[in-house]
């Protein structure tokens, strides 16, 4: 009888241990594991569009496209299936077209360091801008009021502008004038796609909380499209494996046990990527392609937002 009793006790203890271990791998699907946030803010930034002589590497043209205080809406949905893991989907979009600015410089002479041609377009609209980001975070260090870990994800970002009117100085000042007011001159759009890795951290003291995030990618693919409406020409470029750096920090205060008001600053830098360019003549339908480092694509931008986060 004693042997049977001991055996039953051992089986019970073992079964409880197995059950406890198995529950560690059952994801938390309760509402408390879900957090969502919504915020509004502004976007500022600048993109560069560049053209190079593929034989010499000399820069022939650079267009600087700016975004100025464009209103944005940002959303975030995260799920914590385990205490050591967070799955997150977030993104932002411009709420309407906003203010922009464009300057176009050309270096048509190899014998002078300065530009030969310049056009300025104050009447430039930022048509749209948006971004989405899917990621997973693994929390390697955790304490009562902090956690730190690594992250990996996928991100896409898009921008679009239209430049109208403006003034020009061509051939070192030989030709000076203005483009027709309100008439479209150039339309430009960019798209960046990339997987990334990074570091994440969270710290809370009483009702105050701070989160930081650093992202890095060496695998950015960038695309752009340039419409020269007056010349009826389209330029399309694609670059691969350029570099990205990003960082964000937010600070917030819990007004209830589940709701937090917060402010966030986020910065992104897409370093210049170089690649080939395709030129399409809209009048004749003819196309030409220039390989090598014929074109460059770059962007840096930042957002400042404030909003409400809620944990169910």
C-alpha atoms as a PDB file:
ATOM      1  CA  UNK A   1       0.000   0.000   0.000  1.00  0.00           C
ATOM      2  CA  UNK A   2       2.817   2.390   0.851  1.00  0.00           C
ATOM      3  CA  UNK A   3       4.430   1.737  -2.511  1.00  0.00           C
ATOM      4  CA  UNK A   4       1.123   2.426  -4.266  1.00  0.00           C
ATOM      5  CA  UNK A   5       0.628   5.637  -2.284  1.00  0.00           C
ATOM      6  CA  UNK A   6       4.132   6.849  -3.086  1.00  0.00           C
ATOM      7  CA  UNK A   7       3.634   6.024  -6.765  1.00  0.00           C
ATOM      8  CA  UNK A   8       0.345   7.933  -6.850  1.00  0.00           C
ATOM      9  CA  UNK A   9       1.967  10.929  -5.183  1.00  0.00           C
ATOM     10  CA  UNK A  10       4.885  10.887  -7.651  1.00  0.00           C
ATOM     11  CA  UNK A  11       2.505  10.688 -10.602  1.00  0.00           C
ATOM     12  CA  UNK A  12       0.479  13.584  -9.220  1.00  0.00           C
ATOM     13  CA  UNK A  13       3.569  15.742  -8.689  1.00  0.00           C
ATOM     14  CA  UNK A  14       4.930  14.878 -12.149  1.00  0.00           C
ATOM     15  CA  UNK A  15       1.574  15.570 -13.789  1.00  0.00           C
ATOM     16  CA  UNK A  16       1.343  18.940 -12.069  1.00  0.00           C
ATOM     17  CA  UNK A  17       4.872  19.799 -13.203  1.00  0.00           C
ATOM     18  CA  UNK A  18       4.125  18.803 -16.793  1.00  0.00           C
ATOM     19  CA  UNK A  19       0.894  20.808 -16.723  1.00  0.00           C
ATOM     20  CA  UNK A  20       2.697  23.864 -15.330  1.00  0.00           C
ATOM     21  CA  UNK A  21       5.346  23.649 -18.030  1.00  0.00           C
ATOM     22  CA  UNK A  22       2.782  23.135 -20.782  1.00  0.00           C
ATOM     23  CA  UNK A  23       0.865  26.231 -19.721  1.00  0.00           C
ATOM     24  CA  UNK A  24       3.979  28.302 -20.368  1.00  0.00           C
ATOM     25  CA  UNK A  25       3.520  27.638 -24.082  1.00  0.00           C
ATOM     26  CA  UNK A  26      -0.187  28.411 -24.231  1.00  0.00           C
ATOM     27  CA  UNK A  27      -0.567  31.956 -25.624  1.00  0.00           C
ATOM     28  CA  UNK A  28      -2.519  34.517 -23.660  1.00  0.00           C
ATOM     29  CA  UNK A  29      -5.646  35.330 -25.673  1.00  0.00           C
ATOM     30  CA  UNK A  30      -7.368  37.376 -22.985  1.00  0.00           C
ATOM     31  CA  UNK A  31      -8.345  41.005 -23.670  1.00  0.00           C
ATOM     32  CA  UNK A  32      -5.705  42.085 -21.149  1.00  0.00           C
ATOM     33  CA  UNK A  33      -2.975  40.941 -23.546  1.00  0.00           C
ATOM     34  CA  UNK A  34      -4.044  43.480 -26.192  1.00  0.00           C
ATOM     35  CA  UNK A  35      -3.006  47.150 -26.279  1.00  0.00           C
ATOM     36  CA  UNK A  36      -4.041  49.767 -28.810  1.00  0.00           C
ATOM     37  CA  UNK A  37      -3.229  53.424 -29.307  1.00  0.00           C
ATOM     38  CA  UNK A  38      -4.271  56.319 -31.508  1.00  0.00           C
ATOM     39  CA  UNK A  39      -2.427  59.609 -31.915  1.00  0.00           C
ATOM     40  CA  UNK A  40      -2.239  62.696 -34.100  1.00  0.00           C
ATOM     41  CA  UNK A  41       0.771  64.785 -35.001  1.00  0.00           C
ATOM     42  CA  UNK A  42       2.894  66.375 -37.694  1.00  0.00           C
ATOM     43  CA  UNK A  43       5.399  65.077 -40.232  1.00  0.00           C
ATOM     44  CA  UNK A  44       8.472  66.935 -41.484  1.00  0.00           C
ATOM     45  CA  UNK A  45      11.229  65.716 -43.743  1.00  0.00           C
ATOM     46  CA  UNK A  46      13.191  65.909 -46.962  1.00  0.00           C
ATOM     47  CA  UNK A  47      13.805  63.554 -49.864  1.00  0.00           C
ATOM     48  CA  UNK A  48      16.595  63.743 -52.395  1.00  0.00           C
ATOM     49  CA  UNK A  49      16.450  62.696 -56.032  1.00  0.00           C
ATOM     50  CA  UNK A  50      19.852  62.536 -57.741  1.00  0.00           C
ATOM     51  CA  UNK A  51      21.252  61.896 -61.225  1.00  0.00           C
ATOM     52  CA  UNK A  52      24.859  60.871 -61.949  1.00  0.00           C
ATOM     53  CA  UNK A  53      27.171  60.468 -64.912  1.00  0.00           C
ATOM     54  CA  UNK A  54      27.728  56.706 -64.897  1.00  0.00           C
ATOM     55  CA  UNK A  55      31.138  57.027 -66.547  1.00  0.00           C
ATOM     56  CA  UNK A  56      32.687  59.533 -64.148  1.00  0.00           C
ATOM     57  CA  UNK A  57      30.381  59.393 -61.109  1.00  0.00           C
ATOM     58  CA  UNK A  58      29.920  63.165 -61.290  1.00  0.00           C
ATOM     59  CA  UNK A  59      26.625  64.489 -59.951  1.00  0.00           C
ATOM     60  CA  UNK A  60      24.504  66.002 -62.723  1.00  0.00           C
ATOM     61  CA  UNK A  61      21.280  66.867 -60.921  1.00  0.00           C
ATOM     62  CA  UNK A  62      19.753  66.989 -57.451  1.00  0.00           C
ATOM     63  CA  UNK A  63      16.146  67.692 -56.517  1.00  0.00           C
ATOM     64  CA  UNK A  64      15.362  68.379 -52.852  1.00  0.00           C
ATOM     65  CA  UNK A  65      11.732  67.685 -51.922  1.00  0.00           C
ATOM     66  CA  UNK A  66      10.572  68.919 -48.509  1.00  0.00           C
ATOM     67  CA  UNK A  67       7.571  68.078 -46.348  1.00  0.00           C
ATOM     68  CA  UNK A  68       6.470  70.808 -43.937  1.00  0.00           C
ATOM     69  CA  UNK A  69       4.226  70.176 -40.922  1.00  0.00           C
ATOM     70  CA  UNK A  70       1.874  67.716 -42.619  1.00  0.00           C
ATOM     71  CA  UNK A  71      -0.878  66.500 -40.262  1.00  0.00           C
ATOM     72  CA  UNK A  72      -0.763  62.764 -39.541  1.00  0.00           C
ATOM     73  CA  UNK A  73      -2.857  60.080 -37.871  1.00  0.00           C
ATOM     74  CA  UNK A  74      -1.024  57.170 -36.232  1.00  0.00           C
ATOM     75  CA  UNK A  75      -2.350  53.866 -34.925  1.00  0.00           C
ATOM     76  CA  UNK A  76      -0.850  50.903 -33.090  1.00  0.00           C
ATOM     77  CA  UNK A  77      -2.166  47.446 -32.155  1.00  0.00           C
ATOM     78  CA  UNK A  78      -0.039  45.065 -30.085  1.00  0.00           C
ATOM     79  CA  UNK A  79      -0.597  41.622 -28.614  1.00  0.00           C
ATOM     80  CA  UNK A  80       1.473  40.027 -25.861  1.00  0.00           C
ATOM     81  CA  UNK A  81       0.885  36.265 -26.233  1.00  0.00           C
ATOM     82  CA  UNK A  82       3.677  35.522 -23.770  1.00  0.00           C
ATOM     83  CA  UNK A  83       5.423  37.604 -21.140  1.00  0.00           C
ATOM     84  CA  UNK A  84       8.610  37.443 -23.223  1.00  0.00           C
ATOM     85  CA  UNK A  85       7.056  38.351 -26.593  1.00  0.00           C
ATOM     86  CA  UNK A  86       5.072  41.211 -28.171  1.00  0.00           C
ATOM     87  CA  UNK A  87       3.588  41.208 -31.678  1.00  0.00           C
ATOM     88  CA  UNK A  88       2.917  44.669 -33.064  1.00  0.00           C
ATOM     89  CA  UNK A  89       1.288  46.291 -36.092  1.00  0.00           C
ATOM     90  CA  UNK A  90       1.514  50.042 -36.426  1.00  0.00           C
ATOM     91  CA  UNK A  91       1.381  52.751 -39.048  1.00  0.00           C
ATOM     92  CA  UNK A  92       0.702  56.375 -39.843  1.00  0.00           C
ATOM     93  CA  UNK A  93      -0.761  58.335 -42.731  1.00  0.00           C
ATOM     94  CA  UNK A  94      -1.095  61.948 -43.746  1.00  0.00           C
ATOM     95  CA  UNK A  95      -4.617  63.251 -43.161  1.00  0.00           C
ATOM     96  CA  UNK A  96      -4.627  65.474 -46.260  1.00  0.00           C
ATOM     97  CA  UNK A  97      -2.240  67.000 -48.764  1.00  0.00           C
ATOM     98  CA  UNK A  98       0.063  69.500 -47.115  1.00  0.00           C
ATOM     99  CA  UNK A  99       2.797  72.030 -47.637  1.00  0.00           C
ATOM    100  CA  UNK A 100       6.050  71.217 -49.386  1.00  0.00           C
ATOM    101  CA  UNK A 101       8.924  72.847 -51.229  1.00  0.00           C
ATOM    102  CA  UNK A 102      11.235  71.812 -54.066  1.00  0.00           C
ATOM    103  CA  UNK A 103      14.592  73.052 -55.362  1.00  0.00           C
ATOM    104  CA  UNK A 104      16.219  71.598 -58.484  1.00  0.00           C
ATOM    105  CA  UNK A 105      19.965  72.072 -59.119  1.00  0.00           C
ATOM    106  CA  UNK A 106      21.848  70.940 -62.234  1.00  0.00           C
ATOM    107  CA  UNK A 107      25.607  70.767 -62.837  1.00  0.00           C
ATOM    108  CA  UNK A 108      25.820  70.777 -66.621  1.00  0.00           C
ATOM    109  CA  UNK A 109      29.468  71.853 -66.850  1.00  0.00           C
ATOM    110  CA  UNK A 110      32.267  69.627 -65.608  1.00  0.00           C
ATOM    111  CA  UNK A 111      34.589  72.629 -65.586  1.00  0.00           C
ATOM    112  CA  UNK A 112      32.900  74.465 -62.699  1.00  0.00           C
ATOM    113  CA  UNK A 113      32.140  73.186 -59.186  1.00  0.00           C
ATOM    114  CA  UNK A 114      28.949  75.208 -58.726  1.00  0.00           C
ATOM    115  CA  UNK A 115      25.569  74.637 -60.302  1.00  0.00           C
ATOM    116  CA  UNK A 116      24.724  75.948 -63.753  1.00  0.00           C
ATOM    117  CA  UNK A 117      20.920  75.690 -63.530  1.00  0.00           C
ATOM    118  CA  UNK A 118      18.494  76.127 -60.670  1.00  0.00           C
ATOM    119  CA  UNK A 119      14.736  76.202 -60.314  1.00  0.00           C
ATOM    120  CA  UNK A 120      12.782  76.932 -57.128  1.00  0.00           C
ATOM    121  CA  UNK A 121       9.191  75.790 -56.585  1.00  0.00           C
ATOM    122  CA  UNK A 122       7.551  77.206 -53.424  1.00  0.00           C
ATOM    123  CA  UNK A 123       4.136  76.050 -54.693  1.00  0.00           C
ATOM    124  CA  UNK A 124       4.830  72.385 -53.994  1.00  0.00           C
ATOM    125  CA  UNK A 125       2.241  70.160 -52.345  1.00  0.00           C
ATOM    126  CA  UNK A 126       2.980  67.033 -50.350  1.00  0.00           C
ATOM    127  CA  UNK A 127       0.235  64.850 -51.816  1.00  0.00           C
ATOM    128  CA  UNK A 128       0.447  61.985 -49.353  1.00  0.00           C
ATOM    129  CA  UNK A 129       2.773  60.146 -47.000  1.00  0.00           C
ATOM    130  CA  UNK A 130       2.234  56.896 -45.134  1.00  0.00           C
ATOM    131  CA  UNK A 131       4.011  54.036 -43.414  1.00  0.00           C
ATOM    132  CA  UNK A 132       3.223  50.635 -41.956  1.00  0.00           C
ATOM    133  CA  UNK A 133       5.393  48.475 -39.701  1.00  0.00           C
ATOM    134  CA  UNK A 134       4.905  44.821 -38.660  1.00  0.00           C
ATOM    135  CA  UNK A 135       7.265  43.570 -35.970  1.00  0.00           C
ATOM    136  CA  UNK A 136       7.935  41.178 -33.121  1.00  0.00           C
ATOM    137  CA  UNK A 137       9.794  41.993 -29.907  1.00  0.00           C
ATOM    138  CA  UNK A 138      11.538  39.464 -27.690  1.00  0.00           C
ATOM    139  CA  UNK A 139      12.070  40.623 -24.108  1.00  0.00           C
ATOM    140  CA  UNK A 140      15.412  39.262 -22.887  1.00  0.00           C
ATOM    141  CA  UNK A 141      15.641  41.211 -19.616  1.00  0.00           C
ATOM    142  CA  UNK A 142      12.661  41.898 -17.354  1.00  0.00           C
ATOM    143  CA  UNK A 143      12.233  43.392 -13.920  1.00  0.00           C
ATOM    144  CA  UNK A 144       9.416  44.815 -11.823  1.00  0.00           C
ATOM    145  CA  UNK A 145       9.459  48.139 -13.667  1.00  0.00           C
ATOM    146  CA  UNK A 146      11.517  47.588 -16.808  1.00  0.00           C
ATOM    147  CA  UNK A 147      12.122  45.290 -19.766  1.00  0.00           C
ATOM    148  CA  UNK A 148      14.613  45.286 -22.619  1.00  0.00           C
ATOM    149  CA  UNK A 149      15.008  43.154 -25.687  1.00  0.00           C
ATOM    150  CA  UNK A 150      15.449  42.806 -29.430  1.00  0.00           C
ATOM    151  CA  UNK A 151      13.067  43.374 -32.314  1.00  0.00           C
ATOM    152  CA  UNK A 152      12.730  42.376 -35.960  1.00  0.00           C
ATOM    153  CA  UNK A 153      10.188  43.567 -38.498  1.00  0.00           C
ATOM    154  CA  UNK A 154       9.189  44.751 -41.944  1.00  0.00           C
ATOM    155  CA  UNK A 155       8.455  48.373 -42.877  1.00  0.00           C
ATOM    156  CA  UNK A 156       7.218  50.251 -45.953  1.00  0.00           C
ATOM    157  CA  UNK A 157       7.147  54.054 -46.331  1.00  0.00           C
ATOM    158  CA  UNK A 158       5.749  56.212 -49.167  1.00  0.00           C
ATOM    159  CA  UNK A 159       5.912  59.894 -50.120  1.00  0.00           C
ATOM    160  CA  UNK A 160       4.474  61.922 -53.018  1.00  0.00           C
ATOM    161  CA  UNK A 161       4.772  65.560 -54.183  1.00  0.00           C
ATOM    162  CA  UNK A 162       3.682  67.844 -57.026  1.00  0.00           C
ATOM    163  CA  UNK A 163       5.618  71.023 -57.887  1.00  0.00           C
ATOM    164  CA  UNK A 164       3.789  73.843 -59.677  1.00  0.00           C
ATOM    165  CA  UNK A 165       4.970  77.149 -61.104  1.00  0.00           C
ATOM    166  CA  UNK A 166       8.216  78.527 -59.730  1.00  0.00           C
ATOM    167  CA  UNK A 167      11.217  80.435 -61.057  1.00  0.00           C
ATOM    168  CA  UNK A 168      14.387  79.420 -62.864  1.00  0.00           C
ATOM    169  CA  UNK A 169      17.972  80.485 -63.598  1.00  0.00           C
ATOM    170  CA  UNK A 170      19.508  78.520 -66.471  1.00  0.00           C
ATOM    171  CA  UNK A 171      22.940  78.432 -68.120  1.00  0.00           C
ATOM    172  CA  UNK A 172      24.710  80.404 -65.360  1.00  0.00           C
ATOM    173  CA  UNK A 173      22.159  83.214 -65.444  1.00  0.00           C
ATOM    174  CA  UNK A 174      21.806  83.508 -69.195  1.00  0.00           C
ATOM    175  CA  UNK A 175      18.128  82.601 -68.974  1.00  0.00           C
ATOM    176  CA  UNK A 176      16.030  83.851 -66.051  1.00  0.00           C
ATOM    177  CA  UNK A 177      12.279  83.605 -65.771  1.00  0.00           C
ATOM    178  CA  UNK A 178       9.174  82.093 -64.229  1.00  0.00           C
ATOM    179  CA  UNK A 179       7.107  79.021 -64.980  1.00  0.00           C
ATOM    180  CA  UNK A 180       3.349  79.502 -65.497  1.00  0.00           C
ATOM    181  CA  UNK A 181       1.694  79.961 -62.109  1.00  0.00           C
ATOM    182  CA  UNK A 182      -0.245  76.938 -60.881  1.00  0.00           C
ATOM    183  CA  UNK A 183       0.818  74.708 -63.785  1.00  0.00           C
ATOM    184  CA  UNK A 184       2.237  71.300 -62.880  1.00  0.00           C
ATOM    185  CA  UNK A 185       5.939  71.032 -63.574  1.00  0.00           C
ATOM    186  CA  UNK A 186       7.183  67.875 -61.840  1.00  0.00           C
ATOM    187  CA  UNK A 187       5.509  65.107 -59.853  1.00  0.00           C
ATOM    188  CA  UNK A 188       7.624  62.833 -57.685  1.00  0.00           C
ATOM    189  CA  UNK A 189       7.020  59.787 -55.481  1.00  0.00           C
ATOM    190  CA  UNK A 190       9.204  57.451 -53.418  1.00  0.00           C
ATOM    191  CA  UNK A 191       8.671  54.045 -51.849  1.00  0.00           C
ATOM    192  CA  UNK A 192      10.997  52.339 -49.352  1.00  0.00           C
ATOM    193  CA  UNK A 193      10.706  48.650 -48.402  1.00  0.00           C
ATOM    194  CA  UNK A 194      12.865  46.851 -45.855  1.00  0.00           C
ATOM    195  CA  UNK A 195      13.224  44.178 -43.198  1.00  0.00           C
ATOM    196  CA  UNK A 196      14.978  45.453 -40.078  1.00  0.00           C
ATOM    197  CA  UNK A 197      16.401  44.512 -36.698  1.00  0.00           C
ATOM    198  CA  UNK A 198      16.688  46.594 -33.554  1.00  0.00           C
ATOM    199  CA  UNK A 199      16.606  47.091 -29.801  1.00  0.00           C
ATOM    200  CA  UNK A 200      13.633  47.982 -27.596  1.00  0.00           C
ATOM    201  CA  UNK A 201      13.224  49.074 -24.009  1.00  0.00           C
ATOM    202  CA  UNK A 202      10.476  50.031 -21.564  1.00  0.00           C
ATOM    203  CA  UNK A 203      10.725  51.664 -18.137  1.00  0.00           C
ATOM    204  CA  UNK A 204       7.919  52.526 -15.730  1.00  0.00           C
ATOM    205  CA  UNK A 205       7.981  54.313 -12.401  1.00  0.00           C
ATOM    206  CA  UNK A 206       4.636  54.755 -10.645  1.00  0.00           C
ATOM    207  CA  UNK A 207       2.271  56.137 -13.308  1.00  0.00           C
ATOM    208  CA  UNK A 208       4.986  57.383 -15.656  1.00  0.00           C
ATOM    209  CA  UNK A 209       6.258  55.222 -18.504  1.00  0.00           C
ATOM    210  CA  UNK A 210       8.943  55.649 -21.167  1.00  0.00           C
ATOM    211  CA  UNK A 211       9.624  53.499 -24.243  1.00  0.00           C
ATOM    212  CA  UNK A 212      12.610  53.618 -26.606  1.00  0.00           C
ATOM    213  CA  UNK A 213      13.200  51.855 -29.907  1.00  0.00           C
ATOM    214  CA  UNK A 214      16.200  51.692 -32.246  1.00  0.00           C
ATOM    215  CA  UNK A 215      15.939  50.197 -35.745  1.00  0.00           C
ATOM    216  CA  UNK A 216      18.576  49.336 -38.343  1.00  0.00           C
ATOM    217  CA  UNK A 217      18.502  47.871 -41.832  1.00  0.00           C
ATOM    218  CA  UNK A 218      21.140  47.164 -44.451  1.00  0.00           C
ATOM    219  CA  UNK A 219      18.539  45.783 -46.868  1.00  0.00           C
ATOM    220  CA  UNK A 220      16.473  48.754 -48.063  1.00  0.00           C
ATOM    221  CA  UNK A 221      14.924  48.573 -51.534  1.00  0.00           C
ATOM    222  CA  UNK A 222      13.830  51.988 -52.826  1.00  0.00           C
ATOM    223  CA  UNK A 223      11.732  52.967 -55.841  1.00  0.00           C
ATOM    224  CA  UNK A 224      10.848  56.362 -57.257  1.00  0.00           C
ATOM    225  CA  UNK A 225       8.845  57.852 -60.112  1.00  0.00           C
ATOM    226  CA  UNK A 226       9.497  61.309 -61.587  1.00  0.00           C
ATOM    227  CA  UNK A 227       6.962  62.862 -63.971  1.00  0.00           C
ATOM    228  CA  UNK A 228       8.194  65.856 -65.987  1.00  0.00           C
ATOM    229  CA  UNK A 229       4.803  67.073 -67.206  1.00  0.00           C
ATOM    230  CA  UNK A 230       5.991  69.859 -69.490  1.00  0.00           C
ATOM    231  CA  UNK A 231       8.620  67.681 -71.178  1.00  0.00           C
ATOM    232  CA  UNK A 232       6.301  64.641 -71.198  1.00  0.00           C
ATOM    233  CA  UNK A 233       9.028  62.420 -69.751  1.00  0.00           C
ATOM    234  CA  UNK A 234       8.907  59.808 -66.985  1.00  0.00           C
ATOM    235  CA  UNK A 235      11.969  58.738 -64.980  1.00  0.00           C
ATOM    236  CA  UNK A 236      11.838  55.571 -62.867  1.00  0.00           C
ATOM    237  CA  UNK A 237      14.579  54.376 -60.545  1.00  0.00           C
ATOM    238  CA  UNK A 238      15.172  51.387 -58.292  1.00  0.00           C
ATOM    239  CA  UNK A 239      17.949  50.885 -55.754  1.00  0.00           C
ATOM    240  CA  UNK A 240      18.794  47.907 -53.559  1.00  0.00           C
ATOM    241  CA  UNK A 241      20.502  47.190 -50.240  1.00  0.00           C
ATOM    242  CA  UNK A 242      20.903  50.729 -48.979  1.00  0.00           C
ATOM    243  CA  UNK A 243      20.969  51.553 -45.280  1.00  0.00           C
ATOM    244  CA  UNK A 244      18.366  52.760 -42.775  1.00  0.00           C
ATOM    245  CA  UNK A 245      18.559  54.098 -39.207  1.00  0.00           C
ATOM    246  CA  UNK A 246      15.546  54.841 -37.046  1.00  0.00           C
ATOM    247  CA  UNK A 247      14.837  55.796 -33.445  1.00  0.00           C
ATOM    248  CA  UNK A 248      11.781  56.693 -31.416  1.00  0.00           C
ATOM    249  CA  UNK A 249      11.025  57.653 -27.843  1.00  0.00           C
ATOM    250  CA  UNK A 250       7.695  58.134 -26.136  1.00  0.00           C
ATOM    251  CA  UNK A 251       6.770  59.217 -22.632  1.00  0.00           C
ATOM    252  CA  UNK A 252       3.367  58.890 -21.053  1.00  0.00           C
ATOM    253  CA  UNK A 253       1.255  59.084 -17.909  1.00  0.00           C
ATOM    254  CA  UNK A 254      -1.431  56.595 -16.834  1.00  0.00           C
ATOM    255  CA  UNK A 255      -4.610  58.511 -16.122  1.00  0.00           C
ATOM    256  CA  UNK A 256      -6.284  55.206 -15.182  1.00  0.00           C
ATOM    257  CA  UNK A 257      -4.916  51.707 -14.668  1.00  0.00           C
ATOM    258  CA  UNK A 258      -5.622  50.944 -18.344  1.00  0.00           C
ATOM    259  CA  UNK A 259      -5.387  54.292 -20.153  1.00  0.00           C
ATOM    260  CA  UNK A 260      -2.266  56.338 -20.821  1.00  0.00           C
ATOM    261  CA  UNK A 261      -1.760  59.691 -22.506  1.00  0.00           C
ATOM    262  CA  UNK A 262       1.577  59.971 -24.283  1.00  0.00           C
ATOM    263  CA  UNK A 263       3.774  61.975 -26.635  1.00  0.00           C
ATOM    264  CA  UNK A 264       6.208  60.470 -29.131  1.00  0.00           C
ATOM    265  CA  UNK A 265       9.123  61.586 -31.290  1.00  0.00           C
ATOM    266  CA  UNK A 266      10.293  59.320 -34.129  1.00  0.00           C
ATOM    267  CA  UNK A 267      13.138  59.849 -36.602  1.00  0.00           C
ATOM    268  CA  UNK A 268      13.976  57.886 -39.759  1.00  0.00           C
ATOM    269  CA  UNK A 269      16.939  58.170 -42.113  1.00  0.00           C
ATOM    270  CA  UNK A 270      17.106  56.323 -45.425  1.00  0.00           C
ATOM    271  CA  UNK A 271      20.657  56.734 -46.659  1.00  0.00           C
ATOM    272  CA  UNK A 272      21.213  57.295 -50.369  1.00  0.00           C
ATOM    273  CA  UNK A 273      20.878  54.206 -52.497  1.00  0.00           C
ATOM    274  CA  UNK A 274      22.138  54.159 -56.080  1.00  0.00           C
ATOM    275  CA  UNK A 275      20.854  52.236 -59.067  1.00  0.00           C
ATOM    276  CA  UNK A 276      19.750  52.321 -62.669  1.00  0.00           C
ATOM    277  CA  UNK A 277      17.158  54.583 -64.273  1.00  0.00           C
ATOM    278  CA  UNK A 278      14.525  54.105 -66.960  1.00  0.00           C
ATOM    279  CA  UNK A 279      13.376  57.026 -69.124  1.00  0.00           C
ATOM    280  CA  UNK A 280      10.013  56.907 -70.905  1.00  0.00           C
ATOM    281  CA  UNK A 281       9.056  59.409 -73.618  1.00  0.00           C
ATOM    282  CA  UNK A 282       5.289  59.854 -73.249  1.00  0.00           C
ATOM    283  CA  UNK A 283       5.006  61.406 -76.723  1.00  0.00           C
ATOM    284  CA  UNK A 284       6.803  58.759 -78.797  1.00  0.00           C
ATOM    285  CA  UNK A 285       6.522  55.844 -76.386  1.00  0.00           C
ATOM    286  CA  UNK A 286      10.258  55.185 -76.622  1.00  0.00           C
ATOM    287  CA  UNK A 287      12.154  53.991 -73.556  1.00  0.00           C
ATOM    288  CA  UNK A 288      15.810  53.983 -72.562  1.00  0.00           C
ATOM    289  CA  UNK A 289      17.603  52.376 -69.637  1.00  0.00           C
ATOM    290  CA  UNK A 290      20.853  53.435 -67.961  1.00  0.00           C
ATOM    291  CA  UNK A 291      22.367  50.871 -65.617  1.00  0.00           C
ATOM    292  CA  UNK A 292      24.972  51.223 -62.917  1.00  0.00           C
ATOM    293  CA  UNK A 293      24.830  54.129 -60.474  1.00  0.00           C
ATOM    294  CA  UNK A 294      22.807  56.445 -62.693  1.00  0.00           C
ATOM    295  CA  UNK A 295      20.405  57.628 -59.979  1.00  0.00           C
ATOM    296  CA  UNK A 296      20.182  58.112 -56.230  1.00  0.00           C
ATOM    297  CA  UNK A 297      17.274  58.004 -53.753  1.00  0.00           C
ATOM    298  CA  UNK A 298      17.379  59.230 -50.125  1.00  0.00           C
ATOM    299  CA  UNK A 299      15.063  60.493 -47.378  1.00  0.00           C
ATOM    300  CA  UNK A 300      15.045  61.627 -43.774  1.00  0.00           C
ATOM    301  CA  UNK A 301      11.908  62.471 -41.816  1.00  0.00           C
ATOM    302  CA  UNK A 302      10.531  62.830 -38.319  1.00  0.00           C
ATOM    303  CA  UNK A 303       7.114  62.795 -36.663  1.00  0.00           C
ATOM    304  CA  UNK A 304       5.914  64.364 -33.420  1.00  0.00           C
ATOM    305  CA  UNK A 305       2.655  62.905 -32.101  1.00  0.00           C
ATOM    306  CA  UNK A 306       0.444  62.857 -29.012  1.00  0.00           C
ATOM    307  CA  UNK A 307      -2.380  60.493 -28.216  1.00  0.00           C
ATOM    308  CA  UNK A 308      -4.059  57.886 -26.023  1.00  0.00           C
ATOM    309  CA  UNK A 309      -3.063  54.273 -25.377  1.00  0.00           C
ATOM    310  CA  UNK A 310      -5.486  51.732 -23.902  1.00  0.00           C
ATOM    311  CA  UNK A 311      -4.874  48.246 -22.535  1.00  0.00           C
ATOM    312  CA  UNK A 312      -8.033  46.127 -22.439  1.00  0.00           C
END
